[in-house]
Protein backbone atom coordinates (compact mmCIF):
# COMPACT_ATOMS: atom_id res chain seq x y z
CA MET A 1 39.90 139.97 81.03
CA ASP A 2 36.66 138.15 80.35
CA ASP A 3 35.20 136.95 83.55
CA GLN A 4 34.48 133.28 82.68
CA LYS A 5 38.48 133.18 82.07
CA LEU A 6 39.18 134.66 85.20
CA LYS A 7 36.69 132.34 87.05
CA ALA A 8 38.43 129.36 85.29
CA LEU A 9 41.91 130.46 86.33
CA VAL A 10 40.93 130.84 89.76
CA GLU A 11 39.01 127.57 89.85
CA ALA A 12 42.16 125.82 88.64
CA GLU A 13 44.11 126.98 91.64
CA ARG A 14 41.40 125.81 94.07
CA ASP A 15 43.31 122.59 95.66
CA TRP A 16 46.54 124.87 95.85
CA ILE A 17 44.50 127.79 97.83
CA ILE A 18 42.76 125.29 100.07
CA ALA A 19 46.12 123.35 100.79
CA LYS A 20 47.74 126.91 101.76
CA ARG A 21 44.64 127.77 104.23
CA ARG A 22 45.06 124.45 105.85
CA ALA A 23 48.67 124.58 106.45
CA LEU A 24 48.19 128.18 107.72
CA HIS A 25 45.14 127.07 109.99
CA SER A 26 47.60 124.50 111.66
CA VAL A 27 49.98 127.05 113.03
CA PRO A 28 47.80 129.85 114.56
CA GLU A 29 50.14 132.69 116.25
CA ASN A 30 49.41 135.74 118.28
CA GLY A 31 50.13 139.19 116.86
CA PHE A 32 53.83 139.97 115.94
CA GLU A 33 54.64 136.38 116.85
CA GLU A 34 53.49 134.98 113.52
CA PHE A 35 56.81 133.43 112.50
CA LYS A 36 55.65 130.26 111.06
CA THR A 37 52.83 132.08 109.36
CA GLN A 38 55.34 134.26 107.98
CA LYS A 39 57.44 131.36 106.50
CA ILE A 40 54.36 129.72 104.78
CA ILE A 41 53.62 132.95 103.00
CA MET A 42 57.31 133.66 102.04
CA ASP A 43 57.67 130.03 100.73
CA ALA A 44 54.33 130.34 98.79
CA LEU A 45 55.63 133.52 97.30
CA ASP A 46 58.97 131.98 96.27
CA GLU A 47 57.26 129.01 94.90
CA ILE A 48 55.15 131.58 92.71
CA GLY A 49 58.02 133.71 91.87
CA ILE A 50 57.04 137.09 93.54
CA PRO A 51 59.72 138.99 95.03
CA TYR A 52 58.84 140.21 98.72
CA GLN A 53 60.24 142.19 101.41
CA THR A 54 59.74 141.54 105.49
CA GLU A 55 59.84 143.50 108.56
CA ARG A 56 58.94 142.01 112.07
CA THR A 57 56.61 139.44 110.92
CA TRP A 58 54.78 141.29 108.06
CA VAL A 59 55.36 140.50 104.35
CA VAL A 60 55.03 142.77 101.51
CA GLY A 61 54.98 141.27 97.90
CA LEU A 62 55.03 142.96 94.66
CA ILE A 63 53.86 141.79 91.10
CA GLN A 64 55.33 144.02 88.54
CA GLY A 65 52.90 144.02 85.14
CA ALA A 66 54.37 144.51 81.97
CA LEU A 67 52.22 147.43 80.95
CA PRO A 68 51.81 150.77 82.85
CA GLY A 69 48.99 151.39 85.21
CA GLU A 70 47.88 151.78 88.61
CA THR A 71 49.59 150.19 91.67
CA VAL A 72 46.60 148.17 93.63
CA ALA A 73 47.26 146.65 97.02
CA LEU A 74 45.55 143.48 98.59
CA ARG A 75 45.58 143.15 102.48
CA ALA A 76 45.28 140.05 104.35
CA ASP A 77 45.49 140.04 108.22
CA MET A 78 47.39 136.72 109.58
CA ASP A 79 47.17 136.44 113.23
CA ALA A 80 45.03 134.22 115.50
CA LEU A 81 43.10 134.25 118.83
CA PRO A 82 44.02 132.62 122.31
CA LEU A 83 41.32 129.80 122.15
CA GLU A 84 41.77 126.21 122.19
CA GLU A 85 40.32 124.56 119.04
CA PRO A 86 38.15 121.39 119.65
CA GLU A 87 38.99 117.93 118.46
CA GLY A 88 37.68 117.06 114.86
CA CYS A 89 39.11 119.14 112.22
CA ALA A 90 41.80 117.06 110.04
CA PHE A 91 44.04 120.24 110.07
CA ARG A 92 43.61 121.34 113.72
CA SER A 93 45.76 123.78 115.50
CA THR A 94 48.87 122.50 116.51
CA HIS A 95 49.68 125.24 119.00
CA PRO A 96 48.00 124.67 122.22
CA GLY A 97 45.47 127.55 123.46
CA MET A 98 45.63 129.12 119.96
CA MET A 99 43.15 128.99 116.99
CA HIS A 100 42.26 130.77 113.74
CA ALA A 101 38.73 131.56 114.94
CA CYS A 102 38.57 134.75 113.05
CA GLY A 103 39.32 133.36 109.64
CA HIS A 104 42.70 135.07 109.08
CA ASP A 105 44.04 131.97 107.58
CA ALA A 106 41.24 132.17 104.87
CA HIS A 107 42.25 135.99 104.28
CA VAL A 108 45.93 134.93 103.52
CA ALA A 109 45.24 131.96 101.54
CA MET A 110 42.76 134.26 99.28
CA VAL A 111 45.47 136.91 98.73
CA LEU A 112 47.94 134.18 97.92
CA GLY A 113 45.66 132.66 95.31
CA ALA A 114 44.84 136.04 93.68
CA ALA A 115 48.67 136.62 93.65
CA LYS A 116 49.33 133.25 91.85
CA VAL A 117 46.71 134.19 89.05
CA LEU A 118 47.67 137.57 88.72
CA HIS A 119 51.33 136.57 88.52
CA ALA A 120 50.77 134.12 85.81
CA MET A 121 49.21 136.91 83.52
CA ARG A 122 51.89 139.58 84.51
CA SER A 123 52.61 139.97 80.92
CA GLU A 124 49.38 141.69 80.03
CA LEU A 125 48.95 143.03 83.58
CA HIS A 126 48.87 146.94 83.93
CA GLY A 127 50.67 148.11 86.78
CA GLN A 128 51.80 146.56 89.94
CA VAL A 129 50.21 144.67 92.64
CA LYS A 130 50.98 145.22 96.32
CA LEU A 131 50.50 142.22 98.70
CA LEU A 132 50.26 143.29 102.21
CA PHE A 133 50.38 140.40 104.62
CA GLN A 134 49.62 142.14 107.96
CA PRO A 135 50.31 140.97 111.82
CA ALA A 136 48.54 141.78 114.88
CA GLU A 137 45.15 142.91 113.72
CA GLU A 138 43.60 141.36 116.80
CA SER A 139 45.87 143.00 119.55
CA LEU A 140 48.28 145.64 118.90
CA GLY A 141 47.55 146.61 115.28
CA GLY A 142 49.84 145.84 112.53
CA ALA A 143 48.63 148.17 110.04
CA GLU A 144 49.80 151.33 111.32
CA PRO A 145 53.47 150.17 111.78
CA MET A 146 53.32 149.02 108.10
CA VAL A 147 51.95 152.24 107.01
CA LEU A 148 54.70 154.22 108.94
CA ALA A 149 57.53 151.87 107.60
CA GLY A 150 56.46 152.97 104.14
CA VAL A 151 54.63 150.00 102.63
CA MET A 152 52.08 152.13 100.78
CA GLU A 153 54.87 153.88 98.86
CA ASN A 154 57.47 152.95 96.28
CA PRO A 155 55.40 152.46 94.53
CA HIS A 156 52.66 154.66 95.89
CA VAL A 157 49.26 152.54 96.20
CA ASP A 158 46.46 153.85 94.28
CA ARG A 159 43.75 151.77 95.39
CA VAL A 160 43.69 149.10 98.22
CA TYR A 161 41.18 146.47 99.22
CA GLY A 162 40.49 144.05 102.14
CA LEU A 163 37.87 141.64 103.21
CA HIS A 164 36.77 139.48 106.23
CA VAL A 165 35.05 136.15 106.22
CA MET A 166 31.48 136.58 107.89
CA PRO A 167 29.66 133.52 109.19
CA ARG A 168 26.26 135.49 109.44
CA ILE A 169 26.30 135.77 105.87
CA PRO A 170 25.39 132.90 103.54
CA LEU A 171 28.10 131.63 101.21
CA GLY A 172 28.24 133.22 97.81
CA LYS A 173 26.93 136.81 99.01
CA VAL A 174 29.37 139.68 99.64
CA GLU A 175 28.57 142.83 101.83
CA THR A 176 29.75 146.42 101.93
CA ARG A 177 28.81 150.02 102.22
CA PRO A 178 29.75 153.17 101.39
CA GLY A 179 31.29 155.48 104.04
CA THR A 180 31.68 154.08 107.57
CA LEU A 181 31.86 150.41 107.79
CA ASN A 182 33.56 150.05 111.23
CA ALA A 183 33.99 152.11 114.28
CA SER A 184 36.89 153.67 115.71
CA THR A 185 38.25 151.79 119.05
CA ASP A 186 39.68 153.71 122.26
CA THR A 187 40.47 152.31 125.40
CA ILE A 188 39.18 154.18 128.47
CA ILE A 189 41.13 154.22 131.99
CA LEU A 190 39.74 156.26 134.61
CA ASN A 191 41.42 156.46 138.18
CA ILE A 192 39.18 157.85 140.64
CA LEU A 193 41.47 159.13 143.54
CA GLY A 194 39.95 159.84 147.15
CA LYS A 195 41.14 159.73 150.71
CA ALA A 196 41.57 156.55 152.60
CA GLY A 197 40.02 156.30 156.21
CA HIS A 198 37.83 154.07 158.70
CA GLY A 199 34.55 152.87 157.43
CA ALA A 200 33.16 154.00 160.78
CA TYR A 201 34.09 157.67 160.06
CA PRO A 202 33.24 158.52 156.47
CA GLU A 203 33.19 162.14 157.16
CA SER A 204 36.96 162.20 157.36
CA SER A 205 37.50 160.49 153.95
CA ALA A 206 36.92 161.11 150.23
CA ASP A 207 35.30 157.60 149.18
CA ALA A 208 36.51 156.67 145.64
CA ILE A 209 33.91 154.00 145.42
CA VAL A 210 31.07 156.15 145.97
CA CYS A 211 32.48 158.67 143.41
CA ALA A 212 33.32 155.90 141.04
CA ALA A 213 29.54 154.66 140.94
CA GLN A 214 28.29 158.22 140.03
CA VAL A 215 30.84 158.73 137.28
CA ILE A 216 29.73 155.25 135.89
CA CYS A 217 26.06 156.16 136.09
CA ALA A 218 26.80 159.56 134.42
CA LEU A 219 28.90 158.06 131.54
CA GLN A 220 26.17 155.80 130.61
CA THR A 221 24.00 158.69 129.76
CA LEU A 222 26.64 160.51 127.37
CA VAL A 223 25.54 158.68 124.07
CA SER A 224 21.56 158.88 124.77
CA ARG A 225 21.97 162.65 125.97
CA ASN A 226 24.58 163.85 123.71
CA LEU A 227 24.15 162.24 120.21
CA SER A 228 21.08 162.10 117.99
CA PRO A 229 19.21 158.82 118.14
CA LEU A 230 20.19 158.47 114.18
CA GLN A 231 23.94 158.49 115.30
CA SER A 232 26.36 155.92 116.46
CA ALA A 233 28.58 155.57 119.64
CA VAL A 234 28.91 152.97 122.13
CA LEU A 235 30.81 153.43 125.60
CA SER A 236 30.98 150.04 127.58
CA LEU A 237 32.77 150.06 130.82
CA GLY A 238 34.16 146.39 131.53
CA ILE A 239 36.41 146.52 134.48
CA ILE A 240 36.15 148.08 137.85
CA LYS A 241 38.76 147.67 140.72
CA GLY A 242 39.09 149.24 144.00
CA GLY A 243 39.20 148.66 147.96
CA THR A 244 41.28 146.63 150.26
CA ALA A 245 39.24 145.66 153.07
CA GLN A 246 35.09 146.16 153.93
CA ASN A 247 35.89 148.25 156.95
CA ILE A 248 38.53 150.86 154.81
CA ILE A 249 37.11 153.69 152.88
CA CYS A 250 38.52 153.21 149.38
CA ASP A 251 40.89 155.90 147.79
CA ASN A 252 41.43 154.48 144.51
CA VAL A 253 39.20 152.97 141.97
CA GLU A 254 40.26 152.06 138.47
CA ILE A 255 37.80 151.75 135.60
CA ARG A 256 38.47 150.39 132.28
CA GLY A 257 36.20 150.24 129.03
CA THR A 258 35.88 150.79 125.43
CA LEU A 259 34.68 153.61 123.35
CA ARG A 260 33.34 152.92 119.72
CA THR A 261 32.42 155.84 117.55
CA ALA A 262 31.59 156.23 114.12
CA ASN A 263 33.20 159.16 112.74
CA ARG A 264 35.94 161.74 113.81
CA GLU A 265 33.65 164.39 114.96
CA ILE A 266 31.63 161.90 117.37
CA ARG A 267 35.04 160.47 118.50
CA ALA A 268 36.23 163.88 119.57
CA MET A 269 33.07 164.91 121.11
CA MET A 270 32.80 161.62 123.25
CA LYS A 271 36.39 161.79 124.46
CA GLN A 272 35.78 165.31 125.68
CA ARG A 273 32.68 164.70 127.57
CA ILE A 274 33.94 161.63 129.12
CA ARG A 275 36.94 163.61 130.60
CA GLU A 276 34.52 166.79 131.39
CA THR A 277 32.17 164.19 133.39
CA ALA A 278 34.47 162.08 135.38
CA GLU A 279 36.72 165.07 136.32
CA GLY A 280 33.70 167.33 137.00
CA ILE A 281 31.69 164.69 139.33
CA ALA A 282 35.06 163.91 141.10
CA LEU A 283 35.59 167.31 141.91
CA ALA A 284 32.12 167.69 143.22
CA MET A 285 32.73 164.77 145.71
CA GLY A 286 35.86 165.78 146.99
CA CYS A 287 38.03 163.52 144.64
CA ARG A 288 40.29 163.51 141.52
CA ALA A 289 39.58 161.75 138.28
CA ASP A 290 42.91 160.71 136.15
CA VAL A 291 41.62 160.19 132.66
CA ASN A 292 43.49 158.34 130.04
CA ILE A 293 41.98 157.67 126.61
CA VAL A 294 44.39 155.42 124.80
CA PRO A 295 43.83 155.69 120.91
CA GLY A 296 42.84 152.59 119.16
CA TYR A 297 41.90 152.26 115.32
CA ALA A 298 40.26 154.78 113.41
CA ALA A 299 36.98 154.28 112.08
CA LEU A 300 37.14 152.20 108.74
CA VAL A 301 35.45 154.49 106.16
CA ASN A 302 35.20 153.23 102.69
CA ASP A 303 35.83 155.57 99.88
CA ASP A 304 32.21 155.90 98.14
CA ASN A 305 33.83 155.03 94.45
CA GLU A 306 35.75 151.88 95.70
CA ALA A 307 32.84 150.51 97.60
CA ALA A 308 30.80 151.10 94.35
CA ARG A 309 33.28 149.04 92.47
CA ILE A 310 33.13 146.20 94.93
CA THR A 311 29.25 146.26 94.72
CA ARG A 312 29.46 146.47 90.81
CA ILE A 313 32.16 143.56 90.60
CA ALA A 314 30.30 141.41 92.95
CA GLY A 315 27.08 141.91 91.00
CA ARG A 316 28.71 140.95 87.67
CA LEU A 317 30.55 137.87 89.08
CA LEU A 318 28.11 136.66 91.50
CA GLY A 319 24.75 138.12 90.82
CA GLU A 320 23.03 141.22 91.84
CA GLU A 321 20.74 139.16 94.27
CA ASN A 322 24.04 138.31 95.99
CA VAL A 323 25.26 141.77 96.92
CA ILE A 324 24.21 143.41 100.29
CA ILE A 325 24.47 146.82 101.19
CA LYS A 326 25.18 146.92 104.94
CA PRO A 327 22.56 149.27 106.19
CA GLU A 328 24.46 150.52 109.43
CA PRO A 329 28.03 150.59 110.29
CA SER A 330 29.44 147.98 112.78
CA MET A 331 30.87 148.76 116.23
CA GLY A 332 33.63 146.37 115.81
CA GLY A 333 37.05 147.81 115.04
CA GLU A 334 39.23 146.98 112.08
CA ASP A 335 42.61 148.36 111.48
CA PHE A 336 42.32 148.16 107.56
CA SER A 337 41.51 152.04 108.42
CA PHE A 338 45.04 152.86 108.42
CA PHE A 339 45.69 151.64 104.90
CA CYS A 340 42.48 153.74 103.73
CA ASP A 341 44.36 156.86 105.17
CA CYS A 342 46.89 156.77 102.51
CA ALA A 343 44.97 155.69 99.36
CA PRO A 344 41.33 155.31 98.19
CA GLY A 345 40.04 151.91 99.49
CA ALA A 346 37.21 149.74 100.54
CA PHE A 347 36.56 146.69 102.70
CA PHE A 348 33.74 144.05 102.25
CA HIS A 349 32.55 141.06 103.92
CA LEU A 350 32.24 137.42 102.49
CA GLY A 351 29.93 135.00 103.28
CA CYS A 352 31.67 131.97 104.31
CA VAL A 353 28.82 129.34 105.62
CA ARG A 354 26.03 127.50 103.46
CA GLU A 355 22.58 128.93 104.17
CA SER A 356 21.34 125.56 105.45
CA GLU A 357 24.02 125.45 108.15
CA MET A 358 22.88 128.90 109.51
CA PRO A 359 22.82 130.19 112.15
CA ALA A 360 26.53 129.42 112.40
CA PRO A 361 29.03 129.96 115.24
CA PRO A 362 30.14 133.71 115.27
CA LEU A 363 33.63 135.06 114.88
CA HIS A 364 35.70 134.52 117.94
CA SER A 365 33.98 131.34 118.86
CA LYS A 366 35.94 128.06 119.28
CA ASP A 367 33.31 126.63 117.08
CA PHE A 368 33.77 128.99 114.20
CA HIS A 369 34.51 127.50 110.90
CA ILE A 370 34.06 128.25 107.10
CA ASP A 371 32.97 126.31 104.13
CA GLU A 372 36.18 126.16 102.17
CA ASP A 373 34.05 127.17 98.56
CA CYS A 374 34.34 130.70 100.07
CA LEU A 375 38.20 130.76 99.21
CA THR A 376 37.75 130.65 95.40
CA ILE A 377 34.93 133.36 95.85
CA GLY A 378 37.30 135.58 97.87
CA THR A 379 40.23 134.96 95.43
CA LEU A 380 37.89 135.94 92.49
CA MET A 381 36.93 139.23 94.00
CA HIS A 382 40.33 140.17 94.91
CA ALA A 383 41.88 139.40 91.33
CA ALA A 384 38.86 141.17 89.54
CA LEU A 385 39.32 144.30 91.59
CA VAL A 386 42.86 144.37 90.80
CA LEU A 387 42.07 143.80 87.09
CA ASP A 388 38.98 146.33 86.87
CA ASN A 389 39.61 149.24 84.30
CA GLN A 390 42.63 147.52 82.63
């Protein structure tokens, strides 16, 4: 389809897309509790005439083109964050203590907008379009259970795309990169087990606090002494709990943290070294270390060809000067990675604040906001990605 015609079709739906975003913004919900959000999505799909299936709180819509072709999936996450939204927004959250502070309301509205445009031209559409409205990106992770439930099959998805609004990028610009875009996320839980005793007689005890201190210091050297300076990993320990009284030698210290890595090899190596370091130091100090590493999201690795497709289309629609190639991966997590395990896919960032308003409040801030002009830009990118090669 001609770019100018597509832009006109998207622009014609501008008010509808904004209205859906504002409705979604007013009912932010926790992961796997997005029942009002789900209802807004279902009502919108019913209005358009798109069939869909639901499970738990997710929604999967399917647009059937009249002509043979690929199945392309568009993903939008839909959960919110436990923040109190400040006064002043005309469509402010009606759920106390909850806010769409990460832009997922915008993500859903953009996919709905693309769905409305694509459904209207289904008589000339090649293949199918799957609409993946995903819960719980911020918490338990909704992508993996959706994949396990078979949303990437029947029909099998050939290409998959997602985006995230980004307040550090000016409105009108798109950012992506080939290869790793986001890190894997794992939770580290260490329990250092010693032997309690009287604080006056340390020789009869095994001090878990002293041992934990040595373990923490040693773990902070793993990145600098096991990775090249050109490679990426982050190990941050955010919780330490231990002790019952000032004159009792502690016999149990719990340490919790997060591990972020850029690829599978580094992830496996860091997990092994964390375990070896904690267990070895504990043994040397007469204690024992129980190491539990809870798997999180895998690294989000963009398919090179699909990342190139995004940059090519963004350059064509928005101008080459508005395409940013991210120089290095982010250490933030993104469970879109599970969809990319099933089909070639790519993820991109969308500028959502005017340059004159920057620096803008970041994601996950109570002051986070978007310029709603980004909604039609994201909608246009989604629709153009589906239509590419038709």
